[in-house]
Amino acid sequence: MLFSTPQRAALISIASNTLLVAGKAVVGVLSGSAALLSEALHSGLDLLAALLAWISLKFSSHPPDWEHPFGHGKWENVSAFLEGLLIIAVAVGVFYQAGRRLFEPVAITLVPLSLAVLAASSLVNLGVSRALKRAAQRFDSVALDADAAHLATDVYTSLGAMIGLLGYQLTGNHLFDTVAALGVGLIILWIGLKVTRGGMTGLLDTRLPEAEEQVVRELVAATSPVLELKELKSRKAGPVRYLNLTLVVCRWDNLEEIHALCDKLEAQIQSRFPGALVFIHPEPCPIKPPPGQDAGECTCPLKLNISYPLKK
């Protein structure tokens, strides 16, 4: 199966982008089209992004070790951040190239061949980007998701370049080609900013989406015996979610009972979020008993919910 692993999916992206860069660059130089040359630059960036994704996936797959007890998942976030910066740099280059062509027009030739290359590029990128998107969802991979976004953007930028070349073919006006190149640059810049922000989210330990945290809260609320959730902290590194829960328990319950309850809740959370690392910190109920009170006289609202006989 071509996309059976994240690394294999990245290699497929590398292969497709290598062919597209070669085709666009050769035809772009021969034809003199600014739009096609900007597309070649964009595909070159996608090739580099695919290489970064493959490298990051290789490193992030390494298991935790002594120096990295939390694993290597952030390699994917580093890759996404670097890819975003490279996209922004290429957008600046496209703007510079299109600006030069605006004041120094170059005759465009081989328009039919250029259109054929762009059409083929759109079809290839559409197929590979959809496959990468499905693989990113299946493996919960930030790096593959960023790579899929790049290739999906190529589809739209190729269509923009085709419109520019068609306008030039019909009117002979270089502005169509130049304006199309500027439009491609704007799309590349927008995607670059979006991908950079996505990479920074993981590097800065931004909490999980509210919808995912709400799932955890509902699991805690549905736990029997009932628990009180005092605090929930979350973050994500690559595909791994980290959840820190502070639970309030009755001060009269013994350690063995509390530990069994925490294990039960941890298993429920991991069944919803496979691979998640869950850390649970129990705290005693803040209601302090008066001097001389024993467990049987405790009025803590959590006591009857949490105190239960362990199964032998």
C-alpha atoms as a PDB file:
ATOM      1  CA  MET A   1       0.000   0.000   0.000  1.00  0.00           C
ATOM      2  CA  LEU A   2       1.532   3.305  -1.113  1.00  0.00           C
ATOM      3  CA  PHE A   3       0.411   5.316   1.929  1.00  0.00           C
ATOM      4  CA  SER A   4       0.701   2.556   4.534  1.00  0.00           C
ATOM      5  CA  THR A   5       3.089   4.605   6.725  1.00  0.00           C
ATOM      6  CA  PRO A   6       3.666   8.368   7.190  1.00  0.00           C
ATOM      7  CA  GLN A   7       7.229   8.053   5.860  1.00  0.00           C
ATOM      8  CA  ARG A   8       6.074   6.261   2.696  1.00  0.00           C
ATOM      9  CA  ALA A   9       3.425   8.925   2.097  1.00  0.00           C
ATOM     10  CA  ALA A  10       6.118  11.611   2.306  1.00  0.00           C
ATOM     11  CA  LEU A  11       8.284   9.713  -0.196  1.00  0.00           C
ATOM     12  CA  ILE A  12       5.382   9.610  -2.687  1.00  0.00           C
ATOM     13  CA  SER A  13       5.096  13.390  -2.309  1.00  0.00           C
ATOM     14  CA  ILE A  14       8.840  13.778  -2.936  1.00  0.00           C
ATOM     15  CA  ALA A  15       8.649  11.720  -6.131  1.00  0.00           C
ATOM     16  CA  SER A  16       5.646  13.596  -7.569  1.00  0.00           C
ATOM     17  CA  ASN A  17       7.105  17.014  -6.763  1.00  0.00           C
ATOM     18  CA  THR A  18      10.456  16.138  -8.344  1.00  0.00           C
ATOM     19  CA  LEU A  19       8.745  15.396 -11.662  1.00  0.00           C
ATOM     20  CA  LEU A  20       6.615  18.541 -11.488  1.00  0.00           C
ATOM     21  CA  VAL A  21       9.534  20.842 -10.692  1.00  0.00           C
ATOM     22  CA  ALA A  22      11.526  19.490 -13.625  1.00  0.00           C
ATOM     23  CA  GLY A  23       8.642  19.854 -16.076  1.00  0.00           C
ATOM     24  CA  LYS A  24       7.597  23.352 -14.986  1.00  0.00           C
ATOM     25  CA  ALA A  25      11.146  24.696 -14.826  1.00  0.00           C
ATOM     26  CA  VAL A  26      12.112  23.483 -18.307  1.00  0.00           C
ATOM     27  CA  VAL A  27       8.939  24.713 -19.994  1.00  0.00           C
ATOM     28  CA  GLY A  28       8.974  27.962 -17.971  1.00  0.00           C
ATOM     29  CA  VAL A  29      12.509  28.835 -19.099  1.00  0.00           C
ATOM     30  CA  LEU A  30      11.780  27.919 -22.725  1.00  0.00           C
ATOM     31  CA  SER A  31       8.499  29.832 -22.860  1.00  0.00           C
ATOM     32  CA  GLY A  32       9.523  32.852 -20.763  1.00  0.00           C
ATOM     33  CA  SER A  33       6.281  32.779 -18.754  1.00  0.00           C
ATOM     34  CA  ALA A  34       6.530  34.531 -15.371  1.00  0.00           C
ATOM     35  CA  ALA A  35       3.461  32.672 -14.135  1.00  0.00           C
ATOM     36  CA  LEU A  36       4.928  29.297 -15.057  1.00  0.00           C
ATOM     37  CA  LEU A  37       8.307  30.153 -13.529  1.00  0.00           C
ATOM     38  CA  SER A  38       6.585  31.186 -10.312  1.00  0.00           C
ATOM     39  CA  GLU A  39       4.773  27.851 -10.370  1.00  0.00           C
ATOM     40  CA  ALA A  40       8.113  26.068 -10.762  1.00  0.00           C
ATOM     41  CA  LEU A  41       9.390  27.930  -7.693  1.00  0.00           C
ATOM     42  CA  HIS A  42       6.286  26.947  -5.776  1.00  0.00           C
ATOM     43  CA  SER A  43       6.699  23.283  -6.739  1.00  0.00           C
ATOM     44  CA  GLY A  44      10.362  23.509  -5.772  1.00  0.00           C
ATOM     45  CA  LEU A  45       9.251  24.667  -2.356  1.00  0.00           C
ATOM     46  CA  ASP A  46       6.799  21.771  -2.155  1.00  0.00           C
ATOM     47  CA  LEU A  47       9.648  19.394  -2.944  1.00  0.00           C
ATOM     48  CA  LEU A  48      11.726  20.868  -0.137  1.00  0.00           C
ATOM     49  CA  ALA A  49       8.705  20.759   2.165  1.00  0.00           C
ATOM     50  CA  ALA A  50       8.174  17.084   1.344  1.00  0.00           C
ATOM     51  CA  LEU A  51      11.830  16.385   2.157  1.00  0.00           C
ATOM     52  CA  LEU A  52      11.472  18.216   5.484  1.00  0.00           C
ATOM     53  CA  ALA A  53       8.297  16.281   6.236  1.00  0.00           C
ATOM     54  CA  TRP A  54      10.017  12.958   5.516  1.00  0.00           C
ATOM     55  CA  ILE A  55      13.015  13.836   7.704  1.00  0.00           C
ATOM     56  CA  SER A  56      10.796  15.041  10.566  1.00  0.00           C
ATOM     57  CA  LEU A  57       8.660  11.899  10.384  1.00  0.00           C
ATOM     58  CA  LYS A  58      11.778   9.720  10.575  1.00  0.00           C
ATOM     59  CA  PHE A  59      12.976  11.533  13.722  1.00  0.00           C
ATOM     60  CA  SER A  60       9.556  11.866  15.366  1.00  0.00           C
ATOM     61  CA  SER A  61       8.979   8.106  15.062  1.00  0.00           C
ATOM     62  CA  HIS A  62      11.887   7.409  17.432  1.00  0.00           C
ATOM     63  CA  PRO A  63      10.669   6.214  20.850  1.00  0.00           C
ATOM     64  CA  PRO A  64      11.299   8.246  24.032  1.00  0.00           C
ATOM     65  CA  ASP A  65      14.824   8.004  25.393  1.00  0.00           C
ATOM     66  CA  TRP A  66      16.771   9.229  28.421  1.00  0.00           C
ATOM     67  CA  GLU A  67      17.308  12.734  27.036  1.00  0.00           C
ATOM     68  CA  HIS A  68      13.815  13.000  25.545  1.00  0.00           C
ATOM     69  CA  PRO A  69      11.412  11.277  27.956  1.00  0.00           C
ATOM     70  CA  PHE A  70       8.405  12.869  26.232  1.00  0.00           C
ATOM     71  CA  GLY A  71       9.381  11.550  22.810  1.00  0.00           C
ATOM     72  CA  HIS A  72      10.351  13.343  19.599  1.00  0.00           C
ATOM     73  CA  GLY A  73       6.928  14.424  18.313  1.00  0.00           C
ATOM     74  CA  LYS A  74       7.869  18.095  18.070  1.00  0.00           C
ATOM     75  CA  TRP A  75      10.071  17.333  15.080  1.00  0.00           C
ATOM     76  CA  GLU A  76       6.854  17.502  13.051  1.00  0.00           C
ATOM     77  CA  ASN A  77       6.056  20.955  14.463  1.00  0.00           C
ATOM     78  CA  VAL A  78       9.581  22.164  13.677  1.00  0.00           C
ATOM     79  CA  SER A  79       9.157  20.883  10.116  1.00  0.00           C
ATOM     80  CA  ALA A  80       5.822  22.672   9.665  1.00  0.00           C
ATOM     81  CA  PHE A  81       7.272  25.926  11.021  1.00  0.00           C
ATOM     82  CA  LEU A  82      10.291  25.780   8.687  1.00  0.00           C
ATOM     83  CA  GLU A  83       8.063  24.928   5.737  1.00  0.00           C
ATOM     84  CA  GLY A  84       5.970  28.010   6.471  1.00  0.00           C
ATOM     85  CA  LEU A  85       9.047  30.258   6.501  1.00  0.00           C
ATOM     86  CA  LEU A  86      10.233  28.806   3.202  1.00  0.00           C
ATOM     87  CA  ILE A  87       6.830  29.395   1.629  1.00  0.00           C
ATOM     88  CA  ILE A  88       6.921  33.042   2.700  1.00  0.00           C
ATOM     89  CA  ALA A  89      10.431  33.411   1.226  1.00  0.00           C
ATOM     90  CA  VAL A  90       9.292  31.956  -2.097  1.00  0.00           C
ATOM     91  CA  ALA A  91       6.285  34.307  -2.140  1.00  0.00           C
ATOM     92  CA  VAL A  92       8.666  37.258  -1.825  1.00  0.00           C
ATOM     93  CA  GLY A  93      10.708  35.843  -4.720  1.00  0.00           C
ATOM     94  CA  VAL A  94       7.587  35.511  -6.874  1.00  0.00           C
ATOM     95  CA  PHE A  95       6.647  39.133  -6.161  1.00  0.00           C
ATOM     96  CA  TYR A  96      10.151  40.260  -7.154  1.00  0.00           C
ATOM     97  CA  GLN A  97      10.112  38.258 -10.379  1.00  0.00           C
ATOM     98  CA  ALA A  98       6.617  39.435 -11.342  1.00  0.00           C
ATOM     99  CA  GLY A  99       7.597  43.054 -10.566  1.00  0.00           C
ATOM    100  CA  ARG A 100      10.568  42.824 -12.914  1.00  0.00           C
ATOM    101  CA  ARG A 101       8.385  41.409 -15.697  1.00  0.00           C
ATOM    102  CA  LEU A 102       5.935  44.249 -15.150  1.00  0.00           C
ATOM    103  CA  PHE A 103       8.573  46.796 -16.207  1.00  0.00           C
ATOM    104  CA  GLU A 104      10.676  44.498 -18.433  1.00  0.00           C
ATOM    105  CA  PRO A 105       8.242  42.300 -20.396  1.00  0.00           C
ATOM    106  CA  VAL A 106       9.591  39.115 -21.977  1.00  0.00           C
ATOM    107  CA  ALA A 107       8.055  37.452 -25.013  1.00  0.00           C
ATOM    108  CA  ILE A 108       6.152  34.299 -24.043  1.00  0.00           C
ATOM    109  CA  THR A 109       6.322  31.267 -26.327  1.00  0.00           C
ATOM    110  CA  LEU A 110       5.170  27.651 -26.236  1.00  0.00           C
ATOM    111  CA  VAL A 111       1.882  28.653 -24.637  1.00  0.00           C
ATOM    112  CA  PRO A 112       0.033  25.414 -25.542  1.00  0.00           C
ATOM    113  CA  LEU A 113       2.837  23.313 -24.034  1.00  0.00           C
ATOM    114  CA  SER A 114       2.868  25.493 -20.911  1.00  0.00           C
ATOM    115  CA  LEU A 115      -0.891  25.066 -20.507  1.00  0.00           C
ATOM    116  CA  ALA A 116      -0.550  21.296 -20.898  1.00  0.00           C
ATOM    117  CA  VAL A 117       2.153  21.154 -18.205  1.00  0.00           C
ATOM    118  CA  LEU A 118       0.037  23.233 -15.807  1.00  0.00           C
ATOM    119  CA  ALA A 119      -3.053  21.095 -16.428  1.00  0.00           C
ATOM    120  CA  ALA A 120      -1.109  17.891 -15.804  1.00  0.00           C
ATOM    121  CA  SER A 121       0.407  19.437 -12.670  1.00  0.00           C
ATOM    122  CA  SER A 122      -3.051  20.295 -11.334  1.00  0.00           C
ATOM    123  CA  LEU A 123      -4.325  16.753 -11.799  1.00  0.00           C
ATOM    124  CA  VAL A 124      -1.253  15.157 -10.200  1.00  0.00           C
ATOM    125  CA  ASN A 125      -1.267  17.542  -7.229  1.00  0.00           C
ATOM    126  CA  LEU A 126      -5.008  17.114  -6.723  1.00  0.00           C
ATOM    127  CA  GLY A 127      -4.670  13.339  -6.475  1.00  0.00           C
ATOM    128  CA  VAL A 128      -1.563  13.317  -4.274  1.00  0.00           C
ATOM    129  CA  SER A 129      -2.830  16.073  -1.955  1.00  0.00           C
ATOM    130  CA  ARG A 130      -6.086  14.207  -1.291  1.00  0.00           C
ATOM    131  CA  ALA A 131      -4.188  11.011  -0.556  1.00  0.00           C
ATOM    132  CA  LEU A 132      -1.811  12.896   1.764  1.00  0.00           C
ATOM    133  CA  LYS A 133      -4.745  14.536   3.549  1.00  0.00           C
ATOM    134  CA  ARG A 134      -6.308  11.147   4.240  1.00  0.00           C
ATOM    135  CA  ALA A 135      -2.949   9.815   5.440  1.00  0.00           C
ATOM    136  CA  ALA A 136      -2.501  12.878   7.698  1.00  0.00           C
ATOM    137  CA  GLN A 137      -5.888  12.245   9.297  1.00  0.00           C
ATOM    138  CA  ARG A 138      -5.208   8.524   9.689  1.00  0.00           C
ATOM    139  CA  PHE A 139      -1.791   9.043  11.308  1.00  0.00           C
ATOM    140  CA  ASP A 140      -2.686  12.386  12.972  1.00  0.00           C
ATOM    141  CA  SER A 141       0.439  13.892  11.376  1.00  0.00           C
ATOM    142  CA  VAL A 142       1.086  17.652  11.413  1.00  0.00           C
ATOM    143  CA  ALA A 143       3.889  17.296   8.855  1.00  0.00           C
ATOM    144  CA  LEU A 144       1.767  15.370   6.335  1.00  0.00           C
ATOM    145  CA  ASP A 145      -1.128  17.788   6.800  1.00  0.00           C
ATOM    146  CA  ALA A 146       1.157  20.735   5.975  1.00  0.00           C
ATOM    147  CA  ASP A 147       2.483  18.899   2.922  1.00  0.00           C
ATOM    148  CA  ALA A 148      -1.066  18.160   1.756  1.00  0.00           C
ATOM    149  CA  ALA A 149      -1.957  21.857   2.127  1.00  0.00           C
ATOM    150  CA  HIS A 150       1.012  22.838  -0.059  1.00  0.00           C
ATOM    151  CA  LEU A 151      -0.007  20.505  -2.856  1.00  0.00           C
ATOM    152  CA  ALA A 152      -3.652  21.573  -2.671  1.00  0.00           C
ATOM    153  CA  THR A 153      -2.496  25.174  -3.045  1.00  0.00           C
ATOM    154  CA  ASP A 154      -0.566  24.172  -6.187  1.00  0.00           C
ATOM    155  CA  VAL A 155      -3.854  23.197  -7.799  1.00  0.00           C
ATOM    156  CA  TYR A 156      -5.237  26.718  -7.408  1.00  0.00           C
ATOM    157  CA  THR A 157      -2.003  28.463  -8.336  1.00  0.00           C
ATOM    158  CA  SER A 158      -1.689  26.324 -11.465  1.00  0.00           C
ATOM    159  CA  LEU A 159      -5.210  27.323 -12.444  1.00  0.00           C
ATOM    160  CA  GLY A 160      -4.271  30.983 -11.881  1.00  0.00           C
ATOM    161  CA  ALA A 161      -1.204  30.620 -14.081  1.00  0.00           C
ATOM    162  CA  MET A 162      -3.321  28.949 -16.787  1.00  0.00           C
ATOM    163  CA  ILE A 163      -5.740  31.896 -16.738  1.00  0.00           C
ATOM    164  CA  GLY A 164      -2.805  34.284 -17.155  1.00  0.00           C
ATOM    165  CA  LEU A 165      -1.383  32.368 -20.109  1.00  0.00           C
ATOM    166  CA  LEU A 166      -4.785  32.093 -21.758  1.00  0.00           C
ATOM    167  CA  GLY A 167      -5.255  35.850 -21.375  1.00  0.00           C
ATOM    168  CA  TYR A 168      -1.874  36.458 -22.988  1.00  0.00           C
ATOM    169  CA  GLN A 169      -2.640  33.997 -25.792  1.00  0.00           C
ATOM    170  CA  LEU A 170      -5.914  35.725 -26.598  1.00  0.00           C
ATOM    171  CA  THR A 171      -4.812  39.369 -26.234  1.00  0.00           C
ATOM    172  CA  GLY A 172      -1.013  39.387 -26.451  1.00  0.00           C
ATOM    173  CA  ASN A 173      -0.946  41.544 -23.301  1.00  0.00           C
ATOM    174  CA  HIS A 174       1.818  40.639 -20.806  1.00  0.00           C
ATOM    175  CA  LEU A 175      -0.239  42.040 -17.929  1.00  0.00           C
ATOM    176  CA  PHE A 176      -2.385  38.911 -17.834  1.00  0.00           C
ATOM    177  CA  ASP A 177       0.653  36.728 -17.194  1.00  0.00           C
ATOM    178  CA  THR A 178       2.200  39.158 -14.703  1.00  0.00           C
ATOM    179  CA  VAL A 179      -1.017  39.699 -12.741  1.00  0.00           C
ATOM    180  CA  ALA A 180      -1.514  35.923 -12.601  1.00  0.00           C
ATOM    181  CA  ALA A 181       2.005  35.564 -11.164  1.00  0.00           C
ATOM    182  CA  LEU A 182       1.180  38.195  -8.516  1.00  0.00           C
ATOM    183  CA  GLY A 183      -2.007  36.314  -7.658  1.00  0.00           C
ATOM    184  CA  VAL A 184       0.001  33.117  -7.273  1.00  0.00           C
ATOM    185  CA  GLY A 185       2.375  34.997  -4.957  1.00  0.00           C
ATOM    186  CA  LEU A 186      -0.484  36.179  -2.753  1.00  0.00           C
ATOM    187  CA  ILE A 187      -1.846  32.644  -2.394  1.00  0.00           C
ATOM    188  CA  ILE A 188       1.625  31.331  -1.544  1.00  0.00           C
ATOM    189  CA  LEU A 189       2.080  34.076   1.073  1.00  0.00           C
ATOM    190  CA  TRP A 190      -1.279  33.306   2.703  1.00  0.00           C
ATOM    191  CA  ILE A 191      -0.496  29.583   2.890  1.00  0.00           C
ATOM    192  CA  GLY A 192       2.976  30.341   4.276  1.00  0.00           C
ATOM    193  CA  LEU A 193       1.545  32.416   7.112  1.00  0.00           C
ATOM    194  CA  LYS A 194      -1.054  29.727   7.863  1.00  0.00           C
ATOM    195  CA  VAL A 195       1.484  26.878   7.938  1.00  0.00           C
ATOM    196  CA  THR A 196       3.919  28.910  10.062  1.00  0.00           C
ATOM    197  CA  ARG A 197       1.181  29.617  12.590  1.00  0.00           C
ATOM    198  CA  GLY A 198       0.269  25.923  12.678  1.00  0.00           C
ATOM    199  CA  GLY A 199       3.873  24.962  13.406  1.00  0.00           C
ATOM    200  CA  MET A 200       4.169  27.589  16.135  1.00  0.00           C
ATOM    201  CA  THR A 201       1.017  26.248  17.809  1.00  0.00           C
ATOM    202  CA  GLY A 202       2.749  22.990  18.709  1.00  0.00           C
ATOM    203  CA  LEU A 203       6.107  24.568  19.535  1.00  0.00           C
ATOM    204  CA  LEU A 204       4.472  26.983  22.004  1.00  0.00           C
ATOM    205  CA  ASP A 205       2.484  24.175  23.684  1.00  0.00           C
ATOM    206  CA  THR A 206      -0.877  25.685  22.769  1.00  0.00           C
ATOM    207  CA  ARG A 207      -3.738  23.820  24.443  1.00  0.00           C
ATOM    208  CA  LEU A 208      -5.881  21.349  22.511  1.00  0.00           C
ATOM    209  CA  PRO A 209      -9.027  22.557  20.700  1.00  0.00           C
ATOM    210  CA  GLU A 210     -11.974  23.231  22.989  1.00  0.00           C
ATOM    211  CA  ALA A 211     -13.933  20.379  21.406  1.00  0.00           C
ATOM    212  CA  GLU A 212     -11.251  17.848  22.402  1.00  0.00           C
ATOM    213  CA  GLU A 213     -10.978  19.209  25.945  1.00  0.00           C
ATOM    214  CA  GLN A 214     -14.754  19.013  26.241  1.00  0.00           C
ATOM    215  CA  VAL A 215     -14.569  15.293  25.419  1.00  0.00           C
ATOM    216  CA  VAL A 216     -12.186  14.838  28.369  1.00  0.00           C
ATOM    217  CA  ARG A 217     -14.486  16.806  30.688  1.00  0.00           C
ATOM    218  CA  GLU A 218     -17.438  14.660  29.640  1.00  0.00           C
ATOM    219  CA  LEU A 219     -15.481  11.483  30.317  1.00  0.00           C
ATOM    220  CA  VAL A 220     -14.606  12.737  33.794  1.00  0.00           C
ATOM    221  CA  ALA A 221     -18.217  13.726  34.462  1.00  0.00           C
ATOM    222  CA  ALA A 222     -19.468  10.330  33.280  1.00  0.00           C
ATOM    223  CA  THR A 223     -17.006   8.377  35.420  1.00  0.00           C
ATOM    224  CA  SER A 224     -18.611   6.201  38.050  1.00  0.00           C
ATOM    225  CA  PRO A 225     -17.836   6.861  40.860  1.00  0.00           C
ATOM    226  CA  VAL A 226     -18.174  10.577  40.114  1.00  0.00           C
ATOM    227  CA  LEU A 227     -15.093  12.793  40.145  1.00  0.00           C
ATOM    228  CA  GLU A 228     -14.625  16.529  40.420  1.00  0.00           C
ATOM    229  CA  LEU A 229     -12.287  18.041  37.808  1.00  0.00           C
ATOM    230  CA  LYS A 230     -10.385  20.935  39.344  1.00  0.00           C
ATOM    231  CA  GLU A 231      -8.005  21.713  36.468  1.00  0.00           C
ATOM    232  CA  LEU A 232      -7.290  20.489  32.922  1.00  0.00           C
ATOM    233  CA  LYS A 233      -4.116  21.351  31.020  1.00  0.00           C
ATOM    234  CA  SER A 234      -3.407  20.063  27.536  1.00  0.00           C
ATOM    235  CA  ARG A 235      -0.923  20.337  24.695  1.00  0.00           C
ATOM    236  CA  LYS A 236       0.146  18.432  21.624  1.00  0.00           C
ATOM    237  CA  ALA A 237       3.546  17.517  20.162  1.00  0.00           C
ATOM    238  CA  GLY A 238       3.296  16.009  16.702  1.00  0.00           C
ATOM    239  CA  PRO A 239       0.559  13.364  16.901  1.00  0.00           C
ATOM    240  CA  VAL A 240       0.822  12.904  20.682  1.00  0.00           C
ATOM    241  CA  ARG A 241      -1.632  14.612  23.046  1.00  0.00           C
ATOM    242  CA  TYR A 242      -0.572  15.399  26.613  1.00  0.00           C
ATOM    243  CA  LEU A 243      -3.291  15.806  29.236  1.00  0.00           C
ATOM    244  CA  ASN A 244      -2.745  16.884  32.839  1.00  0.00           C
ATOM    245  CA  LEU A 245      -5.781  16.491  35.093  1.00  0.00           C
ATOM    246  CA  THR A 246      -6.150  17.600  38.706  1.00  0.00           C
ATOM    247  CA  LEU A 247      -8.990  15.719  40.404  1.00  0.00           C
ATOM    248  CA  VAL A 248     -10.569  16.359  43.786  1.00  0.00           C
ATOM    249  CA  VAL A 249     -11.133  13.201  45.852  1.00  0.00           C
ATOM    250  CA  CYS A 250     -12.394  12.524  49.348  1.00  0.00           C
ATOM    251  CA  ARG A 251      -9.580  12.750  51.897  1.00  0.00           C
ATOM    252  CA  TRP A 252     -10.792   9.574  53.617  1.00  0.00           C
ATOM    253  CA  ASP A 253     -10.342   7.320  50.583  1.00  0.00           C
ATOM    254  CA  ASN A 254      -7.253   5.161  50.568  1.00  0.00           C
ATOM    255  CA  LEU A 255      -4.490   5.368  47.979  1.00  0.00           C
ATOM    256  CA  GLU A 256      -5.311   2.021  46.389  1.00  0.00           C
ATOM    257  CA  GLU A 257      -8.906   3.073  45.670  1.00  0.00           C
ATOM    258  CA  ILE A 258      -7.840   6.419  44.191  1.00  0.00           C
ATOM    259  CA  HIS A 259      -5.170   4.797  42.046  1.00  0.00           C
ATOM    260  CA  ALA A 260      -7.636   2.277  40.607  1.00  0.00           C
ATOM    261  CA  LEU A 261     -10.076   5.069  39.784  1.00  0.00           C
ATOM    262  CA  CYS A 262      -7.369   7.116  38.023  1.00  0.00           C
ATOM    263  CA  ASP A 263      -6.310   4.080  35.961  1.00  0.00           C
ATOM    264  CA  LYS A 264      -9.906   3.554  34.887  1.00  0.00           C
ATOM    265  CA  LEU A 265     -10.267   7.165  33.757  1.00  0.00           C
ATOM    266  CA  GLU A 266      -6.906   7.137  31.973  1.00  0.00           C
ATOM    267  CA  ALA A 267      -7.934   4.066  29.950  1.00  0.00           C
ATOM    268  CA  GLN A 268     -11.204   5.750  28.938  1.00  0.00           C
ATOM    269  CA  ILE A 269      -9.394   8.883  27.724  1.00  0.00           C
ATOM    270  CA  GLN A 270      -6.842   6.851  25.752  1.00  0.00           C
ATOM    271  CA  SER A 271      -9.637   4.895  24.087  1.00  0.00           C
ATOM    272  CA  ARG A 272     -10.910   8.206  22.652  1.00  0.00           C
ATOM    273  CA  PHE A 273      -7.445   9.643  21.935  1.00  0.00           C
ATOM    274  CA  PRO A 274      -5.102   6.723  21.084  1.00  0.00           C
ATOM    275  CA  GLY A 275      -1.511   7.334  22.116  1.00  0.00           C
ATOM    276  CA  ALA A 276      -2.385  10.168  24.504  1.00  0.00           C
ATOM    277  CA  LEU A 277      -0.218  10.552  27.592  1.00  0.00           C
ATOM    278  CA  VAL A 278      -2.466  11.230  30.581  1.00  0.00           C
ATOM    279  CA  PHE A 279      -1.164  12.487  33.927  1.00  0.00           C
ATOM    280  CA  ILE A 280      -3.646  12.584  36.807  1.00  0.00           C
ATOM    281  CA  HIS A 281      -2.963  14.379  40.079  1.00  0.00           C
ATOM    282  CA  PRO A 282      -5.500  13.704  42.865  1.00  0.00           C
ATOM    283  CA  GLU A 283      -6.042  16.325  45.581  1.00  0.00           C
ATOM    284  CA  PRO A 284      -7.951  15.880  48.868  1.00  0.00           C
ATOM    285  CA  CYS A 285     -11.317  17.534  49.274  1.00  0.00           C
ATOM    286  CA  PRO A 286     -10.883  21.086  50.674  1.00  0.00           C
ATOM    287  CA  ILE A 287     -13.529  20.433  53.351  1.00  0.00           C
ATOM    288  CA  LYS A 288     -11.429  19.886  56.465  1.00  0.00           C
ATOM    289  CA  PRO A 289     -12.991  17.648  59.125  1.00  0.00           C
ATOM    290  CA  PRO A 290     -13.271  18.941  62.688  1.00  0.00           C
ATOM    291  CA  PRO A 291     -10.916  17.478  65.278  1.00  0.00           C
ATOM    292  CA  GLY A 292     -11.858  13.957  66.275  1.00  0.00           C
ATOM    293  CA  GLN A 293     -14.118  13.244  63.283  1.00  0.00           C
ATOM    294  CA  ASP A 294     -13.668   9.845  61.640  1.00  0.00           C
ATOM    295  CA  ALA A 295     -14.417   8.591  58.121  1.00  0.00           C
ATOM    296  CA  GLY A 296     -17.910   7.433  58.982  1.00  0.00           C
ATOM    297  CA  GLU A 297     -18.950  10.950  60.045  1.00  0.00           C
ATOM    298  CA  CYS A 298     -17.505  12.738  56.970  1.00  0.00           C
ATOM    299  CA  THR A 299     -20.050  14.847  55.038  1.00  0.00           C
ATOM    300  CA  CYS A 300     -17.824  15.378  51.968  1.00  0.00           C
ATOM    301  CA  PRO A 301     -20.086  15.196  48.863  1.00  0.00           C
ATOM    302  CA  LEU A 302     -17.450  13.089  47.070  1.00  0.00           C
ATOM    303  CA  LYS A 303     -17.103  10.426  49.715  1.00  0.00           C
ATOM    304  CA  LEU A 304     -20.068   8.252  48.808  1.00  0.00           C
ATOM    305  CA  ASN A 305     -19.207   8.542  45.138  1.00  0.00           C
ATOM    306  CA  ILE A 306     -15.558   7.599  45.378  1.00  0.00           C
ATOM    307  CA  SER A 307     -15.392   5.164  48.282  1.00  0.00           C
ATOM    308  CA  TYR A 308     -16.121   1.728  46.854  1.00  0.00           C
ATOM    309  CA  PRO A 309     -14.777  -1.795  47.451  1.00  0.00           C
ATOM    310  CA  LEU A 310     -12.016  -2.872  45.095  1.00  0.00           C
ATOM    311  CA  LYS A 311     -12.596  -6.024  43.050  1.00  0.00           C
ATOM    312  CA  LYS A 312     -10.351  -8.812  44.215  1.00  0.00           C
END
